[in-house]
C-alpha atoms as a PDB file:
ATOM      1  CA  MET A   1     155.771  96.266  67.051  1.00  0.00           C
ATOM      2  CA  THR A   2     154.801  99.570  65.553  1.00  0.00           C
ATOM      3  CA  ARG A   3     153.819 102.713  67.372  1.00  0.00           C
ATOM      4  CA  VAL A   4     150.129 102.301  66.499  1.00  0.00           C
ATOM      5  CA  GLN A   5     150.015  98.808  67.984  1.00  0.00           C
ATOM      6  CA  ALA A   6     151.746 100.046  71.147  1.00  0.00           C
ATOM      7  CA  ARG A   7     149.108 102.799  71.551  1.00  0.00           C
ATOM      8  CA  ARG A   8     146.293 100.309  71.069  1.00  0.00           C
ATOM      9  CA  SER A   9     147.651  97.967  73.704  1.00  0.00           C
ATOM     10  CA  ILE A  10     148.213 100.845  76.146  1.00  0.00           C
ATOM     11  CA  GLY A  11     144.726 102.222  75.395  1.00  0.00           C
ATOM     12  CA  GLY A  12     143.168  98.813  75.999  1.00  0.00           C
ATOM     13  CA  LEU A  13     145.156  98.436  79.192  1.00  0.00           C
ATOM     14  CA  ILE A  14     143.971 101.847  80.432  1.00  0.00           C
ATOM     15  CA  TYR A  15     140.388 100.969  79.472  1.00  0.00           C
ATOM     16  CA  PHE A  16     140.475  97.724  81.474  1.00  0.00           C
ATOM     17  CA  ALA A  17     142.213  99.421  84.420  1.00  0.00           C
ATOM     18  CA  VAL A  18     139.451 102.070  84.564  1.00  0.00           C
ATOM     19  CA  ALA A  19     136.739  99.410  84.222  1.00  0.00           C
ATOM     20  CA  ILE A  20     138.239  97.294  87.025  1.00  0.00           C
ATOM     21  CA  THR A  21     138.705 100.374  89.232  1.00  0.00           C
ATOM     22  CA  LEU A  22     135.071 101.403  88.723  1.00  0.00           C
ATOM     23  CA  GLY A  23     133.915  97.849  89.399  1.00  0.00           C
ATOM     24  CA  ILE A  24     135.863  97.740  92.666  1.00  0.00           C
ATOM     25  CA  TYR A  25     134.545 101.164  93.665  1.00  0.00           C
ATOM     26  CA  PHE A  26     130.907 100.255  93.032  1.00  0.00           C
ATOM     27  CA  THR A  27     131.307  96.911  94.796  1.00  0.00           C
ATOM     28  CA  PHE A  28     132.790  98.665  97.820  1.00  0.00           C
ATOM     29  CA  ALA A  29     129.966 101.239  97.783  1.00  0.00           C
ATOM     30  CA  ALA A  30     127.349  98.470  97.592  1.00  0.00           C
ATOM     31  CA  VAL A  31     128.788  96.777 100.665  1.00  0.00           C
ATOM     32  CA  GLN A  32     130.204  99.591 102.809  1.00  0.00           C
ATOM     33  CA  GLY A  33     128.475 102.738 101.531  1.00  0.00           C
ATOM     34  CA  ASP A  34     125.695 104.825 103.057  1.00  0.00           C
ATOM     35  CA  TYR A  35     123.080 102.582 101.441  1.00  0.00           C
ATOM     36  CA  GLY A  36     125.158  99.401 101.500  1.00  0.00           C
ATOM     37  CA  VAL A  37     124.550  95.975 102.946  1.00  0.00           C
ATOM     38  CA  PHE A  38     126.271  96.680 106.274  1.00  0.00           C
ATOM     39  CA  ARG A  39     124.289  99.902 106.770  1.00  0.00           C
ATOM     40  CA  ARG A  40     121.062  97.999 106.056  1.00  0.00           C
ATOM     41  CA  VAL A  41     121.888  95.436 108.762  1.00  0.00           C
ATOM     42  CA  GLU A  42     122.714  98.239 111.190  1.00  0.00           C
ATOM     43  CA  ILE A  43     119.413 100.002 110.443  1.00  0.00           C
ATOM     44  CA  ASN A  44     117.439  96.775 110.943  1.00  0.00           C
ATOM     45  CA  ALA A  45     119.124  96.153 114.306  1.00  0.00           C
ATOM     46  CA  GLU A  46     118.433  99.723 115.422  1.00  0.00           C
ATOM     47  CA  ALA A  47     114.801  99.403 114.319  1.00  0.00           C
ATOM     48  CA  ALA A  48     114.403  96.239 116.402  1.00  0.00           C
ATOM     49  CA  VAL A  49     115.780  98.026 119.472  1.00  0.00           C
ATOM     50  CA  LEU A  50     113.467 100.982 118.909  1.00  0.00           C
ATOM     51  CA  ARG A  51     110.449  98.678 118.473  1.00  0.00           C
ATOM     52  CA  GLY A  52     111.276  97.039 121.803  1.00  0.00           C
ATOM     53  CA  GLU A  53     111.540 100.423 123.492  1.00  0.00           C
ATOM     54  CA  ARG A  54     108.246 101.509 121.918  1.00  0.00           C
ATOM     55  CA  ASP A  55     106.515  98.391 123.234  1.00  0.00           C
ATOM     56  CA  ARG A  56     107.954  98.935 126.721  1.00  0.00           C
ATOM     57  CA  LEU A  57     106.779 102.554 126.702  1.00  0.00           C
ATOM     58  CA  ALA A  58     103.308 101.461 125.564  1.00  0.00           C
ATOM     59  CA  LEU A  59     103.111  99.114 128.562  1.00  0.00           C
ATOM     60  CA  ASP A  60     104.252 101.901 130.895  1.00  0.00           C
ATOM     61  CA  LEU A  61     101.601 104.196 129.422  1.00  0.00           C
ATOM     62  CA  ALA A  62      98.897 101.561 129.920  1.00  0.00           C
ATOM     63  CA  ASP A  63      99.980 101.137 133.557  1.00  0.00           C
ATOM     64  CA  MET A  64      99.872 104.890 134.130  1.00  0.00           C
ATOM     65  CA  ARG A  65      96.435 105.157 132.550  1.00  0.00           C
ATOM     66  CA  ASN A  66      95.218 102.304 134.762  1.00  0.00           C
ATOM     67  CA  LEU A  67      96.538 103.987 137.917  1.00  0.00           C
ATOM     68  CA  THR A  68      95.102 107.333 136.864  1.00  0.00           C
ATOM     69  CA  HIS A  69      91.707 105.745 136.257  1.00  0.00           C
ATOM     70  CA  ARG A  70      91.807 103.953 139.607  1.00  0.00           C
ATOM     71  CA  LEU A  71      92.479 107.262 141.402  1.00  0.00           C
ATOM     72  CA  SER A  72      89.939 109.302 139.448  1.00  0.00           C
ATOM     73  CA  ASP A  73      86.759 110.819 140.916  1.00  0.00           C
ATOM     74  CA  ASN A  74      84.520 108.366 139.057  1.00  0.00           C
ATOM     75  CA  TYR A  75      86.303 105.266 140.350  1.00  0.00           C
ATOM     76  CA  LEU A  76      88.311 105.308 143.567  1.00  0.00           C
ATOM     77  CA  ASP A  77      90.374 102.322 144.630  1.00  0.00           C
ATOM     78  CA  THR A  78      90.864 102.779 148.386  1.00  0.00           C
ATOM     79  CA  ASP A  79      93.681 100.228 148.558  1.00  0.00           C
ATOM     80  CA  LEU A  80      95.625 102.099 145.905  1.00  0.00           C
ATOM     81  CA  LEU A  81      94.891 105.425 147.606  1.00  0.00           C
ATOM     82  CA  ASP A  82      96.155 104.004 150.931  1.00  0.00           C
ATOM     83  CA  GLU A  83      99.283 102.644 149.263  1.00  0.00           C
ATOM     84  CA  ARG A  84     100.089 105.942 147.543  1.00  0.00           C
ATOM     85  CA  ALA A  85      99.489 107.955 150.748  1.00  0.00           C
ATOM     86  CA  ARG A  86     101.854 105.688 152.643  1.00  0.00           C
ATOM     87  CA  GLU A  87     104.544 105.839 149.975  1.00  0.00           C
ATOM     88  CA  VAL A  88     104.399 109.503 149.054  1.00  0.00           C
ATOM     89  CA  LEU A  89     103.368 111.140 152.330  1.00  0.00           C
ATOM     90  CA  GLY A  90     104.856 108.614 154.732  1.00  0.00           C
ATOM     91  CA  TYR A  91     101.535 107.954 156.491  1.00  0.00           C
ATOM     92  CA  MET A  92     100.936 104.966 158.743  1.00  0.00           C
ATOM     93  CA  ARG A  93      98.256 103.793 161.127  1.00  0.00           C
ATOM     94  CA  ALA A  94      98.666 104.039 164.888  1.00  0.00           C
ATOM     95  CA  ASP A  95      98.616 100.258 165.356  1.00  0.00           C
ATOM     96  CA  GLU A  96     101.451  99.556 162.863  1.00  0.00           C
ATOM     97  CA  ILE A  97     105.126  98.941 163.568  1.00  0.00           C
ATOM     98  CA  VAL A  98     107.680 100.261 161.092  1.00  0.00           C
ATOM     99  CA  ILE A  99     110.831  98.210 160.508  1.00  0.00           C
ATOM    100  CA  ARG A 100     113.625  99.813 158.494  1.00  0.00           C
END
C-alpha cells in the first residue's frame, strides 16, 4: 500500500465519519430538539389543557353574566336577591330556624 492510497482511505473514512455524525445529529434534533417530535406532542397536550380551561372560563363567564342580568334594574329575580342577601349578609326571616 502506498502513501497516496493510505491518505485516500483515511480521507474516505473521515468523510463517512462526518456524514454519519451529521446524520445522527440531525436525527436527534428532529426527535428531541426545540421543534422536534416530542416537543410537538408536548405542545399539543398543553393546547388541549388550555382549550379545556378556556371552555370552563367561558361557562363561568356565562353564569356570571346570567346572575348579573338577573340582579339588574331592568330584570329583578326576587328569589336570587333573597338567596344572595341570606348568603352575603346573613339575613333570615323571623319564622325560620337555623341549624348549623
